[in-house]
């Protein structure tokens, strides 16, 4: 990274502050033997992208929100046949409502077992499941019950996709298969004390037994608590937990050393919750084992050997720090069988351009996750479309998915603070995977205007479906 100054304007800090208070994007579920499931709404074998614009005005209604679906193809992201999905779209339950932020959280799985990925979409109103088909996402059903966000995976190991829903004070496992009315086969509830409910959670098979586990993150009254592992069992989630021993938020599960156990990778924060807003950023890797979290663990940041850049914290006033690890995604970029990890660094300064943002790729291998061979990209990197601008926060969201089905994951980068015709309209980039890592060859970039979607202050790219 170039040398950087650290005095930041109140405008750019406010932009990053808005990101820091946004809903945490749920991690892509992963098993010990795979990185991430393919999100393929039309069943053609190419991974598809569902990109959230939760602040968009829809049908004249402010902050109603929408999704843009960009289908994968042999040539990559097919932006010429994208779809716009709102609550006004035919077959989507509910009404367009102010401040709904439709699409602010999503989860993809084949819930009705017809061979097409379905998509659960939520905001501040009733969540819906949109059904996949040969023509893409078509029609849907409302999901009953209070739901603040969801994750997906096979909790009880019976071969059916399940949903894990945060209902506020409890995690409810909704077991598949689901009917076309959105009704699960059965449910099970993991309740918490009023002051002890999860802030967010991550799903993935840490123990390698074919049953997906859940890692919860907790905080109360500005204090962060250590994350907890709840193992999947044949009857649902275990009612007892194992502490990771670390204060973390967000996260993903991926078997980065390919030993058969999923490893938990998350942003590590201080015990005092509010201090995370000013941190340079660290990620914590807690390796999995047959019994759950193992004692093997490592912290990685921009001061680790091989990782590009320098970790720089904020000053607690007008400087919000690099935020290394603000977003995370797992996928096999090089095709060597080991999951690699994309790390968003949305507060990174590029030269004198404050909070322009960057993404770092850490490569998995037999030794686990290290900085060896790491790569960094930003809008000033040669071959990347656009330019680094103050407050863009490039890397606020990331996703690794094989959009062109060449057995190498491609990197989607969301930048909801990017300015287009209007401020904060947002944009996304797609960098191709290759044998040696990510490449700037044949990069695709698209925005609401490219996809004929509402643009003004939409914050397109806030989230990618997983």
Protein backbone atom coordinates (compact mmCIF):
# COMPACT_ATOMS: atom_id res chain seq x y z
CA UNK A 1 0.00 0.00 0.00
CA UNK A 2 1.18 3.57 -0.59
CA UNK A 3 2.10 5.74 2.35
CA UNK A 4 -0.99 7.30 3.81
CA UNK A 5 -1.94 10.26 5.97
CA UNK A 6 -4.39 9.75 8.79
CA UNK A 7 -6.26 13.05 9.12
CA UNK A 8 -9.81 12.39 7.94
CA UNK A 9 -12.73 14.63 7.19
CA UNK A 10 -15.97 14.50 9.15
CA UNK A 11 -17.78 13.71 5.90
CA UNK A 12 -15.85 10.53 5.18
CA UNK A 13 -16.00 9.43 8.81
CA UNK A 14 -19.75 9.88 8.81
CA UNK A 15 -19.96 7.63 5.76
CA UNK A 16 -18.00 4.90 7.48
CA UNK A 17 -20.00 5.38 10.67
CA UNK A 18 -23.15 4.66 8.69
CA UNK A 19 -21.60 1.39 7.57
CA UNK A 20 -20.52 0.50 11.07
CA UNK A 21 -24.08 0.76 12.34
CA UNK A 22 -25.56 -1.21 9.43
CA UNK A 23 -26.92 -4.74 10.01
CA UNK A 24 -24.17 -7.36 10.10
CA UNK A 25 -24.13 -9.45 6.97
CA UNK A 26 -24.57 -13.12 7.78
CA UNK A 27 -21.77 -15.45 6.83
CA UNK A 28 -22.15 -17.98 4.09
CA UNK A 29 -22.76 -21.40 5.61
CA UNK A 30 -19.97 -23.89 4.96
CA UNK A 31 -19.27 -27.53 5.64
CA UNK A 32 -15.93 -29.03 6.50
CA UNK A 33 -15.52 -30.38 2.98
CA UNK A 34 -16.91 -27.50 0.93
CA UNK A 35 -16.40 -23.76 1.00
CA UNK A 36 -19.76 -22.24 0.18
CA UNK A 37 -22.89 -23.60 -1.47
CA UNK A 38 -23.59 -22.45 -5.01
CA UNK A 39 -26.34 -19.84 -5.14
CA UNK A 40 -27.94 -20.83 -8.46
CA UNK A 41 -31.48 -19.54 -8.80
CA UNK A 42 -32.06 -20.83 -12.35
CA UNK A 43 -30.19 -24.14 -12.04
CA UNK A 44 -27.83 -23.60 -14.98
CA UNK A 45 -24.68 -24.42 -13.00
CA UNK A 46 -23.41 -20.83 -12.77
CA UNK A 47 -23.42 -18.98 -9.45
CA UNK A 48 -25.78 -16.00 -9.39
CA UNK A 49 -25.50 -12.71 -7.53
CA UNK A 50 -28.36 -11.11 -5.59
CA UNK A 51 -27.23 -7.62 -4.63
CA UNK A 52 -29.02 -5.55 -2.01
CA UNK A 53 -29.86 -1.86 -2.23
CA UNK A 54 -31.69 -1.42 1.11
CA UNK A 55 -31.86 2.39 1.09
CA UNK A 56 -33.43 2.73 -2.35
CA UNK A 57 -36.64 4.57 -3.08
CA UNK A 58 -39.16 2.23 -4.70
CA UNK A 59 -42.44 3.39 -6.27
CA UNK A 60 -41.86 6.78 -4.65
CA UNK A 61 -41.47 5.24 -1.18
CA UNK A 62 -38.26 6.14 0.65
CA UNK A 63 -35.85 3.45 1.92
CA UNK A 64 -38.14 0.65 0.76
CA UNK A 65 -35.21 -1.28 -0.71
CA UNK A 66 -34.70 -3.75 -3.54
CA UNK A 67 -32.56 -6.61 -4.86
CA UNK A 68 -30.82 -6.77 -8.23
CA UNK A 69 -30.21 -10.31 -9.48
CA UNK A 70 -27.27 -10.73 -11.87
CA UNK A 71 -27.09 -14.23 -13.29
CA UNK A 72 -23.83 -16.05 -13.89
CA UNK A 73 -22.72 -17.34 -17.29
CA UNK A 74 -19.67 -18.78 -19.06
CA UNK A 75 -18.64 -15.19 -19.76
CA UNK A 76 -19.11 -14.14 -16.12
CA UNK A 77 -21.74 -11.78 -14.72
CA UNK A 78 -24.55 -11.34 -17.26
CA UNK A 79 -25.55 -7.74 -16.59
CA UNK A 80 -27.70 -7.54 -19.75
CA UNK A 81 -30.36 -9.85 -18.28
CA UNK A 82 -30.51 -8.65 -14.68
CA UNK A 83 -33.72 -8.62 -12.65
CA UNK A 84 -35.06 -6.04 -10.22
CA UNK A 85 -36.99 -7.49 -7.27
CA UNK A 86 -39.00 -5.36 -4.84
CA UNK A 87 -42.12 -5.93 -2.77
CA UNK A 88 -43.98 -4.53 -5.78
CA UNK A 89 -42.71 -7.34 -8.03
CA UNK A 90 -45.43 -9.76 -9.13
CA UNK A 91 -45.61 -12.76 -6.79
CA UNK A 92 -43.63 -11.15 -3.95
CA UNK A 93 -45.75 -10.97 -0.76
CA UNK A 94 -46.26 -7.70 1.08
CA UNK A 95 -46.44 -4.05 0.17
CA UNK A 96 -43.79 -1.46 -0.55
CA UNK A 97 -43.31 0.30 2.79
CA UNK A 98 -41.21 3.23 3.93
CA UNK A 99 -38.07 2.26 5.90
CA UNK A 100 -38.57 -1.45 5.16
CA UNK A 101 -35.00 -1.80 3.80
CA UNK A 102 -36.05 -4.88 1.84
CA UNK A 103 -32.95 -6.97 1.11
CA UNK A 104 -30.93 -5.80 4.11
CA UNK A 105 -30.44 -9.49 4.98
CA UNK A 106 -30.69 -12.60 2.82
CA UNK A 107 -29.98 -16.34 2.83
CA UNK A 108 -30.01 -18.77 -0.08
CA UNK A 109 -30.79 -22.54 -0.09
CA UNK A 110 -33.02 -24.98 -1.94
CA UNK A 111 -35.75 -25.06 0.69
CA UNK A 112 -38.44 -26.89 -1.31
CA UNK A 113 -35.96 -29.37 -2.88
CA UNK A 114 -36.85 -28.76 -6.51
CA UNK A 115 -33.23 -28.32 -7.60
CA UNK A 116 -33.23 -24.51 -7.64
CA UNK A 117 -31.80 -22.21 -4.97
CA UNK A 118 -34.48 -20.23 -3.13
CA UNK A 119 -33.82 -16.91 -1.46
CA UNK A 120 -35.03 -15.70 1.93
CA UNK A 121 -35.19 -11.90 1.94
CA UNK A 122 -35.85 -9.66 4.91
CA UNK A 123 -35.88 -6.10 6.11
CA UNK A 124 -37.87 -4.51 8.89
CA UNK A 125 -41.17 -6.00 7.71
CA UNK A 126 -42.30 -9.60 7.20
CA UNK A 127 -39.56 -11.66 5.51
CA UNK A 128 -40.33 -13.67 2.37
CA UNK A 129 -38.91 -16.67 0.56
CA UNK A 130 -38.56 -16.26 -3.21
CA UNK A 131 -38.66 -19.50 -5.18
CA UNK A 132 -36.00 -20.45 -7.70
CA UNK A 133 -36.98 -21.82 -11.11
CA UNK A 134 -35.59 -22.38 -14.60
CA UNK A 135 -36.51 -18.74 -15.26
CA UNK A 136 -34.84 -17.50 -12.07
CA UNK A 137 -36.56 -16.21 -8.93
CA UNK A 138 -40.31 -16.37 -9.46
CA UNK A 139 -43.05 -15.86 -6.86
CA UNK A 140 -42.75 -16.34 -3.15
CA UNK A 141 -44.34 -16.81 0.24
CA UNK A 142 -44.30 -14.88 3.50
CA UNK A 143 -42.46 -16.49 6.42
CA UNK A 144 -44.48 -16.56 9.60
CA UNK A 145 -43.09 -15.44 12.94
CA UNK A 146 -40.82 -12.63 14.05
CA UNK A 147 -37.50 -12.81 12.22
CA UNK A 148 -34.60 -10.36 12.35
CA UNK A 149 -32.16 -12.34 10.22
CA UNK A 150 -31.54 -15.90 9.07
CA UNK A 151 -28.83 -18.39 8.22
CA UNK A 152 -29.17 -21.64 6.32
CA UNK A 153 -27.70 -25.13 6.60
CA UNK A 154 -28.50 -28.72 7.56
CA UNK A 155 -28.57 -28.50 11.36
CA UNK A 156 -29.71 -32.07 12.09
CA UNK A 157 -27.86 -33.80 9.25
CA UNK A 158 -30.96 -35.33 7.64
CA UNK A 159 -30.15 -34.03 4.16
CA UNK A 160 -32.76 -31.26 4.17
CA UNK A 161 -31.88 -27.56 4.23
CA UNK A 162 -32.91 -25.80 7.44
CA UNK A 163 -33.21 -22.15 8.40
CA UNK A 164 -31.88 -20.66 11.63
CA UNK A 165 -33.80 -17.50 12.52
CA UNK A 166 -32.90 -14.87 15.09
CA UNK A 167 -36.31 -14.02 16.56
CA UNK A 168 -34.97 -11.65 19.23
CA UNK A 169 -34.05 -13.45 22.43
CA UNK A 170 -34.02 -16.85 20.73
CA UNK A 171 -32.70 -18.81 17.77
CA UNK A 172 -35.42 -20.82 16.07
CA UNK A 173 -34.41 -23.73 13.85
CA UNK A 174 -36.96 -24.22 11.09
CA UNK A 175 -36.38 -27.68 9.69
CA UNK A 176 -36.78 -28.47 6.00
CA UNK A 177 -38.15 -29.32 3.64
CA UNK A 178 -40.43 -26.29 3.34
CA UNK A 179 -43.80 -26.23 1.66
CA UNK A 180 -44.47 -23.70 -1.10
CA UNK A 181 -46.42 -21.76 1.51
CA UNK A 182 -43.13 -21.26 3.37
CA UNK A 183 -44.02 -23.65 6.19
CA UNK A 184 -41.20 -25.76 7.70
CA UNK A 185 -41.52 -29.45 8.53
CA UNK A 186 -40.97 -28.67 12.24
CA UNK A 187 -39.22 -26.19 14.54
CA UNK A 188 -36.96 -26.14 17.58
CA UNK A 189 -36.07 -23.15 19.75
CA UNK A 190 -32.88 -22.19 21.56
CA UNK A 191 -33.89 -19.52 24.07
CA UNK A 192 -31.64 -16.93 25.72
CA UNK A 193 -31.99 -14.66 28.73
CA UNK A 194 -33.26 -11.17 27.89
CA UNK A 195 -29.81 -9.63 28.26
CA UNK A 196 -28.03 -12.52 26.60
CA UNK A 197 -29.58 -12.83 23.14
CA UNK A 198 -27.28 -13.04 20.11
CA UNK A 199 -26.29 -9.89 18.22
CA UNK A 200 -25.59 -11.99 15.16
CA UNK A 201 -24.56 -15.53 14.29
CA UNK A 202 -22.63 -17.68 11.86
CA UNK A 203 -23.50 -21.17 10.59
CA UNK A 204 -21.11 -23.91 9.47
CA UNK A 205 -19.90 -27.42 10.28
CA UNK A 206 -17.08 -26.90 12.78
CA UNK A 207 -17.00 -30.52 14.02
CA UNK A 208 -17.03 -32.15 10.57
CA UNK A 209 -19.89 -34.52 11.43
CA UNK A 210 -22.23 -33.42 8.63
CA UNK A 211 -24.41 -31.38 10.99
CA UNK A 212 -24.18 -27.61 10.76
CA UNK A 213 -23.24 -25.77 13.95
CA UNK A 214 -24.01 -22.18 14.97
CA UNK A 215 -21.60 -19.62 16.42
CA UNK A 216 -23.31 -16.73 18.20
CA UNK A 217 -21.91 -13.31 19.06
CA UNK A 218 -23.13 -11.40 22.10
CA UNK A 219 -23.03 -7.93 23.59
CA UNK A 220 -25.00 -5.79 26.05
CA UNK A 221 -24.73 -2.22 27.36
CA UNK A 222 -21.72 -1.46 25.14
CA UNK A 223 -19.89 -4.56 26.41
CA UNK A 224 -18.93 -7.39 24.10
CA UNK A 225 -18.96 -11.02 25.26
CA UNK A 226 -17.09 -14.00 23.89
CA UNK A 227 -18.62 -15.90 20.98
CA UNK A 228 -20.22 -19.31 21.58
CA UNK A 229 -20.45 -22.54 19.60
CA UNK A 230 -23.77 -24.43 19.63
CA UNK A 231 -23.36 -27.83 18.00
CA UNK A 232 -25.86 -29.25 15.56
CA UNK A 233 -27.41 -32.54 16.65
CA UNK A 234 -29.97 -34.98 15.22
CA UNK A 235 -32.69 -33.15 17.16
CA UNK A 236 -31.53 -29.57 16.62
CA UNK A 237 -29.05 -27.25 18.29
CA UNK A 238 -27.39 -28.38 21.50
CA UNK A 239 -28.63 -26.52 24.57
CA UNK A 240 -25.09 -26.13 25.89
CA UNK A 241 -22.28 -24.13 24.31
CA UNK A 242 -18.52 -23.91 24.05
CA UNK A 243 -16.90 -20.47 24.28
CA UNK A 244 -14.37 -19.46 21.66
CA UNK A 245 -12.57 -17.39 24.29
CA UNK A 246 -12.54 -14.37 21.96
CA UNK A 247 -14.68 -11.31 21.40
CA UNK A 248 -15.80 -11.48 17.78
CA UNK A 249 -18.48 -10.15 15.46
CA UNK A 250 -19.72 -11.57 12.17
CA UNK A 251 -17.67 -14.38 10.75
CA UNK A 252 -17.57 -17.34 8.40
CA UNK A 253 -16.81 -21.04 8.69
CA UNK A 254 -14.48 -22.67 6.15
CA UNK A 255 -12.00 -25.53 6.28
CA UNK A 256 -8.94 -23.45 5.33
CA UNK A 257 -6.41 -26.26 6.02
CA UNK A 258 -8.62 -29.04 4.59
CA UNK A 259 -8.36 -31.31 7.63
CA UNK A 260 -12.08 -32.16 7.61
CA UNK A 261 -13.14 -29.60 10.24
CA UNK A 262 -14.61 -26.16 9.66
CA UNK A 263 -12.57 -23.24 10.98
CA UNK A 264 -14.23 -20.15 12.45
CA UNK A 265 -12.90 -16.87 11.04
CA UNK A 266 -14.28 -13.62 12.40
CA UNK A 267 -13.44 -10.03 13.15
CA UNK A 268 -11.93 -9.78 16.62
CA UNK A 269 -12.95 -6.76 18.67
CA UNK A 270 -12.27 -5.31 22.10
CA UNK A 271 -14.38 -6.07 25.16
CA UNK A 272 -15.90 -2.58 24.93
CA UNK A 273 -18.19 -2.66 21.90
CA UNK A 274 -17.93 0.99 20.91
CA UNK A 275 -14.15 0.81 20.42
CA UNK A 276 -14.56 -1.33 17.29
CA UNK A 277 -15.51 1.81 15.36
CA UNK A 278 -11.93 3.09 15.60
CA UNK A 279 -9.89 -0.07 15.15
CA UNK A 280 -7.27 -0.96 12.58
CA UNK A 281 -8.91 -4.36 12.57
CA UNK A 282 -7.95 -7.97 13.28
CA UNK A 283 -9.38 -11.31 12.26
CA UNK A 284 -9.26 -14.33 14.56
CA UNK A 285 -9.03 -17.88 13.20
CA UNK A 286 -10.20 -20.58 15.63
CA UNK A 287 -9.55 -23.99 14.09
CA UNK A 288 -12.18 -26.67 14.29
CA UNK A 289 -11.96 -30.23 15.58
CA UNK A 290 -14.22 -33.24 16.16
CA UNK A 291 -15.09 -31.83 19.60
CA UNK A 292 -15.67 -28.24 18.45
CA UNK A 293 -13.28 -25.31 18.79
CA UNK A 294 -9.71 -26.49 19.15
CA UNK A 295 -6.93 -24.75 21.05
CA UNK A 296 -5.21 -23.86 17.78
CA UNK A 297 -5.85 -20.22 16.93
CA UNK A 298 -4.17 -17.30 15.18
CA UNK A 299 -4.75 -13.57 14.81
CA UNK A 300 -4.14 -11.96 11.41
CA UNK A 301 -4.03 -8.27 10.56
CA UNK A 302 -2.23 -5.88 8.21
CA UNK A 303 0.87 -6.10 10.37
CA UNK A 304 1.09 -9.88 9.88
CA UNK A 305 3.86 -11.22 7.66
CA UNK A 306 2.89 -11.19 3.99
CA UNK A 307 -0.33 -9.16 4.41
CA UNK A 308 -0.25 -5.99 2.27
CA UNK A 309 -0.62 -2.63 4.00
CA UNK A 310 -0.15 -1.35 7.52
CA UNK A 311 -2.74 -1.61 10.26
CA UNK A 312 -3.87 1.85 11.30
CA UNK A 313 -6.36 2.61 14.05
CA UNK A 314 -8.60 5.63 14.40
CA UNK A 315 -8.28 8.35 16.99
CA UNK A 316 -11.76 8.02 18.47
CA UNK A 317 -12.86 11.35 17.07
CA UNK A 318 -12.79 11.89 13.29
CA UNK A 319 -10.69 8.87 12.34
CA UNK A 320 -12.39 5.48 12.07
CA UNK A 321 -9.39 3.26 11.32
CA UNK A 322 -8.87 0.73 8.53
CA UNK A 323 -11.53 -1.74 9.74
CA UNK A 324 -9.64 -4.81 8.45
CA UNK A 325 -12.13 -7.70 8.65
CA UNK A 326 -15.29 -5.56 8.49
CA UNK A 327 -16.55 -8.01 5.84
CA UNK A 328 -15.44 -11.59 5.16
CA UNK A 329 -16.10 -14.28 2.55
CA UNK A 330 -14.75 -17.76 1.81
CA UNK A 331 -14.17 -19.49 -1.53
CA UNK A 332 -11.52 -21.40 -3.47
CA UNK A 333 -10.09 -18.72 -5.74
CA UNK A 334 -7.12 -20.72 -7.03
CA UNK A 335 -8.84 -24.09 -7.52
CA UNK A 336 -6.36 -25.93 -5.28
CA UNK A 337 -9.07 -27.28 -2.96
CA UNK A 338 -8.29 -24.92 -0.07
CA UNK A 339 -10.75 -22.13 0.75
CA UNK A 340 -9.32 -18.64 0.52
CA UNK A 341 -10.62 -15.70 2.56
CA UNK A 342 -11.57 -12.28 1.21
CA UNK A 343 -11.20 -9.54 3.82
CA UNK A 344 -12.88 -6.17 3.38
CA UNK A 345 -10.91 -3.13 4.59
CA UNK A 346 -13.43 -0.32 3.94
CA UNK A 347 -11.63 2.32 6.03
CA UNK A 348 -8.30 1.93 4.20
CA UNK A 349 -6.72 5.16 2.97
CA UNK A 350 -5.26 4.96 -0.54
CA UNK A 351 -2.45 7.49 -0.69
CA UNK A 352 -4.01 10.72 0.55
CA UNK A 353 -7.54 9.57 -0.31
CA UNK A 354 -9.23 8.90 3.00
CA UNK A 355 -11.45 5.87 3.57
CA UNK A 356 -11.38 4.86 -0.08
CA UNK A 357 -11.30 1.20 0.95
CA UNK A 358 -9.60 -2.00 -0.17
CA UNK A 359 -9.93 -5.80 -0.18
CA UNK A 360 -7.26 -8.31 0.84
CA UNK A 361 -7.26 -11.97 -0.23
CA UNK A 362 -5.70 -14.42 2.24
CA UNK A 363 -4.95 -17.87 0.86
CA UNK A 364 -5.75 -21.15 2.58
CA UNK A 365 -3.33 -24.08 2.56
CA UNK A 366 -2.10 -27.11 4.47
CA UNK A 367 -0.58 -24.82 7.10
CA UNK A 368 -3.90 -22.98 7.54
CA UNK A 369 -4.64 -19.35 6.87
CA UNK A 370 -1.56 -17.13 6.62
CA UNK A 371 -0.39 -13.97 4.88
CA UNK A 372 1.75 -15.92 2.40
CA UNK A 373 0.80 -14.97 -1.14
CA UNK A 374 -1.82 -12.45 0.02
CA UNK A 375 -3.14 -9.95 -2.50
CA UNK A 376 -4.67 -6.49 -2.12
CA UNK A 377 -6.96 -4.56 -4.49
CA UNK A 378 -8.52 -1.12 -4.51
CA UNK A 379 -9.91 1.28 -7.08
CA UNK A 380 -6.41 2.64 -7.73
CA UNK A 381 -5.07 -0.83 -8.59
CA UNK A 382 -4.16 -1.05 -12.27
CA UNK A 383 -6.99 -2.69 -14.22
CA UNK A 384 -9.69 -2.01 -11.62
CA UNK A 385 -12.40 0.29 -13.07
CA UNK A 386 -13.10 3.57 -11.32
CA UNK A 387 -10.98 5.70 -9.03
CA UNK A 388 -10.33 5.78 -5.31
CA UNK A 389 -12.46 8.52 -3.82
CA UNK A 390 -12.89 9.81 -0.30
CA UNK A 391 -15.47 7.86 1.67
CA UNK A 392 -16.16 5.18 -0.97
CA UNK A 393 -15.53 2.36 1.53
CA UNK A 394 -14.64 -0.12 -1.22
CA UNK A 395 -14.90 -3.59 0.38
CA UNK A 396 -17.78 -2.85 2.73
CA UNK A 397 -19.23 -6.16 1.52
CA UNK A 398 -17.53 -9.11 -0.19
CA UNK A 399 -18.56 -12.45 -1.66
CA UNK A 400 -16.60 -15.31 -3.25
CA UNK A 401 -18.64 -17.25 -5.84
CA UNK A 402 -17.83 -19.15 -9.04
CA UNK A 403 -19.88 -17.02 -11.42
CA UNK A 404 -18.43 -18.51 -14.63
CA UNK A 405 -18.28 -22.12 -13.31
CA UNK A 406 -14.56 -22.65 -14.02
CA UNK A 407 -13.95 -24.16 -10.56
CA UNK A 408 -12.32 -20.97 -9.26
CA UNK A 409 -14.22 -18.52 -7.08
CA UNK A 410 -14.58 -14.94 -8.27
CA UNK A 411 -14.60 -11.96 -5.91
CA UNK A 412 -17.63 -9.67 -5.77
CA UNK A 413 -16.96 -6.39 -3.98
CA UNK A 414 -19.75 -4.09 -2.81
CA UNK A 415 -19.24 -0.37 -2.32
CA UNK A 416 -22.54 1.11 -1.14
CA UNK A 417 -21.00 4.57 -0.56
CA UNK A 418 -19.86 4.91 -4.20
CA UNK A 419 -21.24 7.99 -5.89
CA UNK A 420 -22.82 7.71 -9.33
CA UNK A 421 -25.22 10.25 -10.73
CA UNK A 422 -26.31 10.64 -7.12
CA UNK A 423 -24.46 10.41 -3.82
CA UNK A 424 -24.29 6.95 -2.22
CA UNK A 425 -25.90 5.19 -5.16
CA UNK A 426 -23.43 2.31 -4.76
CA UNK A 427 -21.68 -0.10 -7.12
CA UNK A 428 -20.18 -3.59 -7.34
CA UNK A 429 -17.11 -5.14 -8.94
CA UNK A 430 -16.36 -8.74 -9.94
CA UNK A 431 -12.73 -9.88 -10.08
CA UNK A 432 -11.97 -13.25 -11.68
CA UNK A 433 -10.30 -16.12 -9.86
CA UNK A 434 -7.28 -17.85 -11.43
CA UNK A 435 -4.66 -20.47 -10.64
CA UNK A 436 -2.45 -17.83 -9.03
CA UNK A 437 -5.18 -15.86 -7.30
CA UNK A 438 -7.41 -12.94 -8.21
CA UNK A 439 -6.73 -11.21 -11.49
CA UNK A 440 -7.61 -7.81 -12.92
CA UNK A 441 -8.24 -9.32 -16.34
CA UNK A 442 -11.87 -9.07 -17.53
CA UNK A 443 -13.14 -7.28 -14.41
CA UNK A 444 -16.83 -6.48 -14.50
CA UNK A 445 -18.28 -3.47 -12.68
CA UNK A 446 -21.92 -2.49 -12.46
CA UNK A 447 -24.15 -0.06 -10.65
CA UNK A 448 -27.88 0.70 -10.41
CA UNK A 449 -27.71 2.77 -13.60
CA UNK A 450 -26.02 -0.14 -15.41
CA UNK A 451 -28.82 -2.48 -14.34
CA UNK A 452 -31.68 0.00 -14.90
CA UNK A 453 -32.46 0.03 -11.19
CA UNK A 454 -33.29 2.94 -8.85
CA UNK A 455 -30.12 4.83 -8.15
CA UNK A 456 -30.57 7.80 -5.82
CA UNK A 457 -29.03 7.04 -2.40
CA UNK A 458 -29.82 3.33 -2.90
CA UNK A 459 -26.55 2.04 -1.33
CA UNK A 460 -26.39 -0.70 -3.91
CA UNK A 461 -23.88 -3.39 -2.88
CA UNK A 462 -24.66 -3.29 0.83
CA UNK A 463 -25.07 -7.07 0.87
CA UNK A 464 -24.68 -10.13 -1.34
CA UNK A 465 -26.94 -13.18 -0.97
CA UNK A 466 -25.12 -16.23 0.42
